[in-house]
Amino acid sequence: FLRRDFRVEVPAGGRTAIQAPGLGSINVRALPDNCEVLIGGTFVDYPPILDRDVVAGSHTVTFRWPDGVTRDYPIEVSAGRPTFVTGKKE
């Protein structure tokens, strides 16, 4: 969750500086909490998830319960700030 793809153009014989994107953190809870949590389609863990480093930018947090119910929450993570998400089955 620390990876971010971006395009860099460097002219022939030129130089450029690249700065890594900032980091924020995510805190995840779920009601009920017997679900899988995915960020961008990749399994993270089971809730609660506290202070997990995530690259700043747009992400989708998915909650997937054992009975097949799935909920997606689009979030925006800001550098240097925590983001809080609560998934609700119903």
PDB file of N, CA and C in Angstrom:
ATOM      1  N   PHE A   1       0.824  -1.194   0.000  1.00  0.00           N
ATOM      2  CA  PHE A   1       0.000   0.000   0.000  1.00  0.00           C
ATOM      3  C   PHE A   1       0.861   1.247   0.000  1.00  0.00           C
ATOM      4  N   LEU A   2       2.141   1.016  -0.224  1.00  0.00           N
ATOM      5  CA  LEU A   2       3.081   2.127  -0.298  1.00  0.00           C
ATOM      6  C   LEU A   2       3.502   2.381  -1.738  1.00  0.00           C
ATOM      7  N   ARG A   3       2.913   1.663  -2.674  1.00  0.00           N
ATOM      8  CA  ARG A   3       3.306   1.788  -4.074  1.00  0.00           C
ATOM      9  C   ARG A   3       2.371   2.741  -4.812  1.00  0.00           C
ATOM     10  N   ARG A   4       2.957   3.599  -5.626  1.00  0.00           N
ATOM     11  CA  ARG A   4       2.181   4.505  -6.467  1.00  0.00           C
ATOM     12  C   ARG A   4       2.907   4.623  -7.788  1.00  0.00           C
ATOM     13  N   ASP A   5       2.248   4.308  -8.876  1.00  0.00           N
ATOM     14  CA  ASP A   5       2.842   4.442 -10.205  1.00  0.00           C
ATOM     15  C   ASP A   5       2.635   5.865 -10.711  1.00  0.00           C
ATOM     16  N   PHE A   6       3.643   6.425 -11.337  1.00  0.00           N
ATOM     17  CA  PHE A   6       3.504   7.720 -11.979  1.00  0.00           C
ATOM     18  C   PHE A   6       4.488   7.810 -13.126  1.00  0.00           C
ATOM     19  N   ARG A   7       4.167   8.679 -14.075  1.00  0.00           N
ATOM     20  CA  ARG A   7       4.976   8.810 -15.280  1.00  0.00           C
ATOM     21  C   ARG A   7       5.990   9.944 -15.113  1.00  0.00           C
ATOM     22  N   VAL A   8       7.196   9.683 -15.573  1.00  0.00           N
ATOM     23  CA  VAL A   8       8.264  10.677 -15.518  1.00  0.00           C
ATOM     24  C   VAL A   8       8.843  10.813 -16.916  1.00  0.00           C
ATOM     25  N   GLU A   9       8.944  12.040 -17.384  1.00  0.00           N
ATOM     26  CA  GLU A   9       9.550  12.296 -18.690  1.00  0.00           C
ATOM     27  C   GLU A   9      10.858  13.051 -18.493  1.00  0.00           C
ATOM     28  N   VAL A  10      11.922  12.502 -19.076  1.00  0.00           N
ATOM     29  CA  VAL A  10      13.237  13.120 -18.976  1.00  0.00           C
ATOM     30  C   VAL A  10      13.732  13.350 -20.404  1.00  0.00           C
ATOM     31  N   PRO A  11      14.021  14.591 -20.755  1.00  0.00           N
ATOM     32  CA  PRO A  11      14.516  14.847 -22.105  1.00  0.00           C
ATOM     33  C   PRO A  11      15.896  14.206 -22.294  1.00  0.00           C
ATOM     34  N   ALA A  12      16.205  13.866 -23.549  1.00  0.00           N
ATOM     35  CA  ALA A  12      17.500  13.257 -23.862  1.00  0.00           C
ATOM     36  C   ALA A  12      18.627  14.126 -23.318  1.00  0.00           C
ATOM     37  N   GLY A  13      19.509  13.521 -22.567  1.00  0.00           N
ATOM     38  CA  GLY A  13      20.645  14.240 -21.991  1.00  0.00           C
ATOM     39  C   GLY A  13      20.264  15.100 -20.798  1.00  0.00           C
ATOM     40  N   GLY A  14      19.001  15.070 -20.409  1.00  0.00           N
ATOM     41  CA  GLY A  14      18.529  15.910 -19.305  1.00  0.00           C
ATOM     42  C   GLY A  14      18.530  15.189 -17.979  1.00  0.00           C
ATOM     43  N   ARG A  15      18.134  15.915 -16.970  1.00  0.00           N
ATOM     44  CA  ARG A  15      18.040  15.373 -15.617  1.00  0.00           C
ATOM     45  C   ARG A  15      16.725  15.829 -15.013  1.00  0.00           C
ATOM     46  N   THR A  16      16.274  15.077 -14.062  1.00  0.00           N
ATOM     47  CA  THR A  16      15.061  15.464 -13.345  1.00  0.00           C
ATOM     48  C   THR A  16      15.136  14.925 -11.926  1.00  0.00           C
ATOM     49  N   ALA A  17      14.404  15.549 -11.048  1.00  0.00           N
ATOM     50  CA  ALA A  17      14.322  15.077  -9.663  1.00  0.00           C
ATOM     51  C   ALA A  17      12.966  14.417  -9.466  1.00  0.00           C
ATOM     52  N   ILE A  18      12.957  13.339  -8.726  1.00  0.00           N
ATOM     53  CA  ILE A  18      11.723  12.626  -8.434  1.00  0.00           C
ATOM     54  C   ILE A  18      11.534  12.608  -6.928  1.00  0.00           C
ATOM     55  N   GLN A  19      10.338  12.946  -6.509  1.00  0.00           N
ATOM     56  CA  GLN A  19      10.032  12.928  -5.081  1.00  0.00           C
ATOM     57  C   GLN A  19       8.956  11.874  -4.832  1.00  0.00           C
ATOM     58  N   ALA A  20       9.191  11.018  -3.875  1.00  0.00           N
ATOM     59  CA  ALA A  20       8.212   9.985  -3.537  1.00  0.00           C
ATOM     60  C   ALA A  20       6.961  10.651  -2.971  1.00  0.00           C
ATOM     61  N   PRO A  21       5.788  10.079  -3.246  1.00  0.00           N
ATOM     62  CA  PRO A  21       4.559  10.639  -2.681  1.00  0.00           C
ATOM     63  C   PRO A  21       4.558  10.506  -1.170  1.00  0.00           C
ATOM     64  N   GLY A  22       3.803  11.358  -0.511  1.00  0.00           N
ATOM     65  CA  GLY A  22       3.726  11.341   0.939  1.00  0.00           C
ATOM     66  C   GLY A  22       2.971  10.135   1.464  1.00  0.00           C
ATOM     67  N   LEU A  23       3.102   9.904   2.753  1.00  0.00           N
ATOM     68  CA  LEU A  23       2.409   8.804   3.414  1.00  0.00           C
ATOM     69  C   LEU A  23       1.359   9.326   4.372  1.00  0.00           C
ATOM     70  N   GLY A  24       0.264   8.639   4.411  1.00  0.00           N
ATOM     71  CA  GLY A  24      -0.755   8.856   5.426  1.00  0.00           C
ATOM     72  C   GLY A  24      -0.944   7.524   6.133  1.00  0.00           C
ATOM     73  N   SER A  25      -1.976   7.435   6.933  1.00  0.00           N
ATOM     74  CA  SER A  25      -2.266   6.156   7.578  1.00  0.00           C
ATOM     75  C   SER A  25      -3.764   5.899   7.502  1.00  0.00           C
ATOM     76  N   ILE A  26      -4.118   4.626   7.635  1.00  0.00           N
ATOM     77  CA  ILE A  26      -5.517   4.238   7.572  1.00  0.00           C
ATOM     78  C   ILE A  26      -5.867   3.441   8.819  1.00  0.00           C
ATOM     79  N   ASN A  27      -7.071   3.692   9.307  1.00  0.00           N
ATOM     80  CA  ASN A  27      -7.621   2.982  10.460  1.00  0.00           C
ATOM     81  C   ASN A  27      -8.961   2.422  10.014  1.00  0.00           C
ATOM     82  N   VAL A  28      -9.139   1.109  10.148  1.00  0.00           N
ATOM     83  CA  VAL A  28     -10.322   0.449   9.608  1.00  0.00           C
ATOM     84  C   VAL A  28     -11.038  -0.349  10.690  1.00  0.00           C
ATOM     85  N   ARG A  29     -12.345  -0.162  10.738  1.00  0.00           N
ATOM     86  CA  ARG A  29     -13.218  -0.942  11.606  1.00  0.00           C
ATOM     87  C   ARG A  29     -14.371  -1.453  10.757  1.00  0.00           C
ATOM     88  N   ALA A  30     -15.061  -2.476  11.242  1.00  0.00           N
ATOM     89  CA  ALA A  30     -16.203  -3.024  10.497  1.00  0.00           C
ATOM     90  C   ALA A  30     -17.276  -3.499  11.465  1.00  0.00           C
ATOM     91  N   LEU A  31     -18.515  -3.406  11.008  1.00  0.00           N
ATOM     92  CA  LEU A  31     -19.667  -3.874  11.766  1.00  0.00           C
ATOM     93  C   LEU A  31     -20.471  -4.821  10.888  1.00  0.00           C
ATOM     94  N   PRO A  32     -20.536  -6.105  11.163  1.00  0.00           N
ATOM     95  CA  PRO A  32     -19.724  -6.844  12.126  1.00  0.00           C
ATOM     96  C   PRO A  32     -18.279  -6.974  11.639  1.00  0.00           C
ATOM     97  N   ASP A  33     -17.403  -7.367  12.541  1.00  0.00           N
ATOM     98  CA  ASP A  33     -15.974  -7.356  12.219  1.00  0.00           C
ATOM     99  C   ASP A  33     -15.427  -8.683  11.702  1.00  0.00           C
ATOM    100  N   ASN A  34     -16.284  -9.585  11.267  1.00  0.00           N
ATOM    101  CA  ASN A  34     -15.827 -10.883  10.749  1.00  0.00           C
ATOM    102  C   ASN A  34     -15.675 -10.845   9.225  1.00  0.00           C
ATOM    103  N   CYS A  35     -14.976  -9.851   8.723  1.00  0.00           N
ATOM    104  CA  CYS A  35     -14.826  -9.686   7.276  1.00  0.00           C
ATOM    105  C   CYS A  35     -13.364  -9.508   6.900  1.00  0.00           C
ATOM    106  N   GLU A  36     -13.105  -9.686   5.609  1.00  0.00           N
ATOM    107  CA  GLU A  36     -11.789  -9.378   5.056  1.00  0.00           C
ATOM    108  C   GLU A  36     -11.778  -7.918   4.626  1.00  0.00           C
ATOM    109  N   VAL A  37     -10.639  -7.268   4.758  1.00  0.00           N
ATOM    110  CA  VAL A  37     -10.477  -5.898   4.295  1.00  0.00           C
ATOM    111  C   VAL A  37      -9.451  -5.902   3.170  1.00  0.00           C
ATOM    112  N   LEU A  38      -9.819  -5.271   2.059  1.00  0.00           N
ATOM    113  CA  LEU A  38      -8.934  -5.158   0.908  1.00  0.00           C
ATOM    114  C   LEU A  38      -8.750  -3.684   0.573  1.00  0.00           C
ATOM    115  N   ILE A  39      -7.580  -3.321   0.115  1.00  0.00           N
ATOM    116  CA  ILE A  39      -7.321  -1.976  -0.393  1.00  0.00           C
ATOM    117  C   ILE A  39      -6.862  -2.140  -1.829  1.00  0.00           C
ATOM    118  N   GLY A  40      -7.594  -1.531  -2.743  1.00  0.00           N
ATOM    119  CA  GLY A  40      -7.255  -1.645  -4.150  1.00  0.00           C
ATOM    120  C   GLY A  40      -7.287  -3.079  -4.643  1.00  0.00           C
ATOM    121  N   GLY A  41      -8.150  -3.908  -4.041  1.00  0.00           N
ATOM    122  CA  GLY A  41      -8.277  -5.295  -4.457  1.00  0.00           C
ATOM    123  C   GLY A  41      -7.288  -6.249  -3.824  1.00  0.00           C
ATOM    124  N   THR A  42      -6.399  -5.746  -2.984  1.00  0.00           N
ATOM    125  CA  THR A  42      -5.390  -6.585  -2.325  1.00  0.00           C
ATOM    126  C   THR A  42      -5.764  -6.785  -0.859  1.00  0.00           C
ATOM    127  N   PHE A  43      -5.782  -8.037  -0.425  1.00  0.00           N
ATOM    128  CA  PHE A  43      -6.114  -8.348   0.964  1.00  0.00           C
ATOM    129  C   PHE A  43      -5.126  -7.686   1.914  1.00  0.00           C
ATOM    130  N   VAL A  44      -5.681  -7.034   2.966  1.00  0.00           N
ATOM    131  CA  VAL A  44      -4.849  -6.377   3.982  1.00  0.00           C
ATOM    132  C   VAL A  44      -4.817  -7.221   5.249  1.00  0.00           C
ATOM    133  N   ASP A  45      -6.000  -7.416   5.843  1.00  0.00           N
ATOM    134  CA  ASP A  45      -6.095  -8.111   7.125  1.00  0.00           C
ATOM    135  C   ASP A  45      -7.570  -8.163   7.507  1.00  0.00           C
ATOM    136  N   TYR A  46      -7.822  -8.618   8.722  1.00  0.00           N
ATOM    137  CA  TYR A  46      -9.168  -8.590   9.303  1.00  0.00           C
ATOM    138  C   TYR A  46      -9.222  -7.418  10.275  1.00  0.00           C
ATOM    139  N   PRO A  47     -10.372  -6.745  10.390  1.00  0.00           N
ATOM    140  CA  PRO A  47     -10.452  -5.581  11.271  1.00  0.00           C
ATOM    141  C   PRO A  47     -10.389  -5.988  12.737  1.00  0.00           C
ATOM    142  N   PRO A  48      -9.949  -5.084  13.594  1.00  0.00           N
ATOM    143  CA  PRO A  48      -9.576  -3.706  13.271  1.00  0.00           C
ATOM    144  C   PRO A  48      -8.150  -3.618  12.724  1.00  0.00           C
ATOM    145  N   ILE A  49      -7.942  -2.623  11.891  1.00  0.00           N
ATOM    146  CA  ILE A  49      -6.618  -2.308  11.340  1.00  0.00           C
ATOM    147  C   ILE A  49      -6.292  -0.902  11.822  1.00  0.00           C
ATOM    148  N   LEU A  50      -5.184  -0.760  12.502  1.00  0.00           N
ATOM    149  CA  LEU A  50      -4.850   0.525  13.115  1.00  0.00           C
ATOM    150  C   LEU A  50      -3.523   1.066  12.604  1.00  0.00           C
ATOM    151  N   ASP A  51      -3.530   2.329  12.221  1.00  0.00           N
ATOM    152  CA  ASP A  51      -2.325   3.068  11.814  1.00  0.00           C
ATOM    153  C   ASP A  51      -1.484   2.346  10.767  1.00  0.00           C
ATOM    154  N   ARG A  52      -2.101   1.828   9.741  1.00  0.00           N
ATOM    155  CA  ARG A  52      -1.391   1.165   8.640  1.00  0.00           C
ATOM    156  C   ARG A  52      -0.935   2.227   7.650  1.00  0.00           C
ATOM    157  N   ASP A  53       0.362   2.273   7.347  1.00  0.00           N
ATOM    158  CA  ASP A  53       0.883   3.242   6.382  1.00  0.00           C
ATOM    159  C   ASP A  53       0.306   2.972   5.001  1.00  0.00           C
ATOM    160  N   VAL A  54      -0.116   4.060   4.343  1.00  0.00           N
ATOM    161  CA  VAL A  54      -0.672   3.992   2.990  1.00  0.00           C
ATOM    162  C   VAL A  54      -0.183   5.223   2.242  1.00  0.00           C
ATOM    163  N   VAL A  55       0.178   5.043   0.978  1.00  0.00           N
ATOM    164  CA  VAL A  55       0.610   6.172   0.167  1.00  0.00           C
ATOM    165  C   VAL A  55      -0.568   7.143  -0.010  1.00  0.00           C
ATOM    166  N   ALA A  56      -0.281   8.436   0.005  1.00  0.00           N
ATOM    167  CA  ALA A  56      -1.322   9.452  -0.159  1.00  0.00           C
ATOM    168  C   ALA A  56      -1.967   9.320  -1.532  1.00  0.00           C
ATOM    169  N   GLY A  57      -3.267   9.603  -1.592  1.00  0.00           N
ATOM    170  CA  GLY A  57      -3.997   9.543  -2.852  1.00  0.00           C
ATOM    171  C   GLY A  57      -5.316   8.811  -2.694  1.00  0.00           C
ATOM    172  N   SER A  58      -5.949   8.516  -3.822  1.00  0.00           N
ATOM    173  CA  SER A  58      -7.250   7.846  -3.845  1.00  0.00           C
ATOM    174  C   SER A  58      -7.094   6.335  -3.746  1.00  0.00           C
ATOM    175  N   HIS A  59      -7.950   5.723  -2.949  1.00  0.00           N
ATOM    176  CA  HIS A  59      -7.957   4.273  -2.763  1.00  0.00           C
ATOM    177  C   HIS A  59      -9.398   3.801  -2.628  1.00  0.00           C
ATOM    178  N   THR A  60      -9.611   2.514  -2.823  1.00  0.00           N
ATOM    179  CA  THR A  60     -10.903   1.903  -2.539  1.00  0.00           C
ATOM    180  C   THR A  60     -10.697   0.835  -1.489  1.00  0.00           C
ATOM    181  N   VAL A  61     -11.426   0.969  -0.378  1.00  0.00           N
ATOM    182  CA  VAL A  61     -11.385  -0.021   0.693  1.00  0.00           C
ATOM    183  C   VAL A  61     -12.606  -0.911   0.516  1.00  0.00           C
ATOM    184  N   THR A  62     -12.371  -2.225   0.438  1.00  0.00           N
ATOM    185  CA  THR A  62     -13.446  -3.189   0.250  1.00  0.00           C
ATOM    186  C   THR A  62     -13.573  -4.058   1.486  1.00  0.00           C
ATOM    187  N   PHE A  63     -14.808  -4.240   1.925  1.00  0.00           N
ATOM    188  CA  PHE A  63     -15.127  -5.132   3.037  1.00  0.00           C
ATOM    189  C   PHE A  63     -15.854  -6.326   2.445  1.00  0.00           C
ATOM    190  N   ARG A  64     -15.384  -7.549   2.752  1.00  0.00           N
ATOM    191  CA  ARG A  64     -15.982  -8.765   2.198  1.00  0.00           C
ATOM    192  C   ARG A  64     -16.291  -9.732   3.343  1.00  0.00           C
ATOM    193  N   TRP A  65     -17.612  -9.927   3.595  1.00  0.00           N
ATOM    194  CA  TRP A  65     -18.054 -10.804   4.668  1.00  0.00           C
ATOM    195  C   TRP A  65     -18.176 -12.237   4.169  1.00  0.00           C
ATOM    196  N   PRO A  66     -18.133 -13.232   5.076  1.00  0.00           N
ATOM    197  CA  PRO A  66     -18.162 -14.643   4.683  1.00  0.00           C
ATOM    198  C   PRO A  66     -19.393 -15.050   3.873  1.00  0.00           C
ATOM    199  N   ASP A  67     -20.526 -14.359   4.040  1.00  0.00           N
ATOM    200  CA  ASP A  67     -21.739 -14.727   3.310  1.00  0.00           C
ATOM    201  C   ASP A  67     -21.792 -14.113   1.907  1.00  0.00           C
ATOM    202  N   GLY A  68     -20.706 -13.437   1.495  1.00  0.00           N
ATOM    203  CA  GLY A  68     -20.637 -12.877   0.148  1.00  0.00           C
ATOM    204  C   GLY A  68     -20.984 -11.408   0.040  1.00  0.00           C
ATOM    205  N   VAL A  69     -21.488 -10.793   1.103  1.00  0.00           N
ATOM    206  CA  VAL A  69     -21.803  -9.361   1.073  1.00  0.00           C
ATOM    207  C   VAL A  69     -20.502  -8.575   0.970  1.00  0.00           C
ATOM    208  N   THR A  70     -20.466  -7.634   0.014  1.00  0.00           N
ATOM    209  CA  THR A  70     -19.276  -6.819  -0.217  1.00  0.00           C
ATOM    210  C   THR A  70     -19.676  -5.350  -0.258  1.00  0.00           C
ATOM    211  N   ARG A  71     -18.875  -4.511   0.368  1.00  0.00           N
ATOM    212  CA  ARG A  71     -19.107  -3.066   0.346  1.00  0.00           C
ATOM    213  C   ARG A  71     -17.790  -2.370  -0.009  1.00  0.00           C
ATOM    214  N   ASP A  72     -17.867  -1.416  -0.944  1.00  0.00           N
ATOM    215  CA  ASP A  72     -16.703  -0.625  -1.348  1.00  0.00           C
ATOM    216  C   ASP A  72     -16.843   0.795  -0.825  1.00  0.00           C
ATOM    217  N   TYR A  73     -15.750   1.341  -0.321  1.00  0.00           N
ATOM    218  CA  TYR A  73     -15.710   2.710   0.174  1.00  0.00           C
ATOM    219  C   TYR A  73     -14.541   3.438  -0.472  1.00  0.00           C
ATOM    220  N   PRO A  74     -14.811   4.403  -1.354  1.00  0.00           N
ATOM    221  CA  PRO A  74     -13.708   5.200  -1.896  1.00  0.00           C
ATOM    222  C   PRO A  74     -13.216   6.171  -0.824  1.00  0.00           C
ATOM    223  N   ILE A  75     -11.904   6.290  -0.695  1.00  0.00           N
ATOM    224  CA  ILE A  75     -11.325   7.185   0.307  1.00  0.00           C
ATOM    225  C   ILE A  75     -10.211   8.010  -0.330  1.00  0.00           C
ATOM    226  N   GLU A  76      -9.878   9.091   0.326  1.00  0.00           N
ATOM    227  CA  GLU A  76      -8.752   9.936  -0.066  1.00  0.00           C
ATOM    228  C   GLU A  76      -7.815  10.013   1.137  1.00  0.00           C
ATOM    229  N   VAL A  77      -6.593   9.535   0.968  1.00  0.00           N
ATOM    230  CA  VAL A  77      -5.597   9.565   2.039  1.00  0.00           C
ATOM    231  C   VAL A  77      -4.705  10.785   1.835  1.00  0.00           C
ATOM    232  N   SER A  78      -4.575  11.602   2.879  1.00  0.00           N
ATOM    233  CA  SER A  78      -3.724  12.791   2.827  1.00  0.00           C
ATOM    234  C   SER A  78      -2.397  12.512   3.518  1.00  0.00           C
ATOM    235  N   ALA A  79      -1.336  13.050   2.971  1.00  0.00           N
ATOM    236  CA  ALA A  79      -0.001  12.868   3.551  1.00  0.00           C
ATOM    237  C   ALA A  79       0.040  13.423   4.967  1.00  0.00           C
ATOM    238  N   GLY A  80       0.594  12.638   5.865  1.00  0.00           N
ATOM    239  CA  GLY A  80       0.778  13.073   7.244  1.00  0.00           C
ATOM    240  C   GLY A  80      -0.477  13.053   8.096  1.00  0.00           C
ATOM    241  N   ARG A  81      -1.581  12.508   7.560  1.00  0.00           N
ATOM    242  CA  ARG A  81      -2.837  12.523   8.316  1.00  0.00           C
ATOM    243  C   ARG A  81      -3.457  11.132   8.345  1.00  0.00           C
ATOM    244  N   PRO A  82      -4.152  10.812   9.434  1.00  0.00           N
ATOM    245  CA  PRO A  82      -4.855   9.526   9.487  1.00  0.00           C
ATOM    246  C   PRO A  82      -6.188   9.605   8.746  1.00  0.00           C
ATOM    247  N   THR A  83      -6.598   8.476   8.178  1.00  0.00           N
ATOM    248  CA  THR A  83      -7.900   8.349   7.538  1.00  0.00           C
ATOM    249  C   THR A  83      -8.646   7.229   8.251  1.00  0.00           C
ATOM    250  N   PHE A  84      -9.937   7.444   8.490  1.00  0.00           N
ATOM    251  CA  PHE A  84     -10.744   6.478   9.227  1.00  0.00           C
ATOM    252  C   PHE A  84     -11.862   5.959   8.334  1.00  0.00           C
ATOM    253  N   VAL A  85     -12.045   4.632   8.326  1.00  0.00           N
ATOM    254  CA  VAL A  85     -13.085   3.998   7.525  1.00  0.00           C
ATOM    255  C   VAL A  85     -13.801   2.959   8.396  1.00  0.00           C
ATOM    256  N   THR A  86     -15.128   2.993   8.359  1.00  0.00           N
ATOM    257  CA  THR A  86     -15.923   1.984   9.030  1.00  0.00           C
ATOM    258  C   THR A  86     -16.831   1.326   8.001  1.00  0.00           C
ATOM    259  N   GLY A  87     -16.668   0.039   7.804  1.00  0.00           N
ATOM    260  CA  GLY A  87     -17.520  -0.702   6.878  1.00  0.00           C
ATOM    261  C   GLY A  87     -18.714  -1.264   7.609  1.00  0.00           C
ATOM    262  N   LYS A  88     -19.897  -1.084   7.005  1.00  0.00           N
ATOM    263  CA  LYS A  88     -21.126  -1.604   7.616  1.00  0.00           C
ATOM    264  C   LYS A  88     -21.783  -2.573   6.650  1.00  0.00           C
ATOM    265  N   LYS A  89     -22.066  -3.746   7.161  1.00  0.00           N
ATOM    266  CA  LYS A  89     -22.655  -4.790   6.332  1.00  0.00           C
ATOM    267  C   LYS A  89     -24.053  -4.400   5.850  1.00  0.00           C
ATOM    268  N   GLU A  90     -24.831  -3.754   6.700  1.00  0.00           N
ATOM    269  CA  GLU A  90     -26.201  -3.416   6.335  1.00  0.00           C
ATOM    270  C   GLU A  90     -26.417  -1.938   6.195  1.00  0.00           C
TER     271      GLU A  90
END
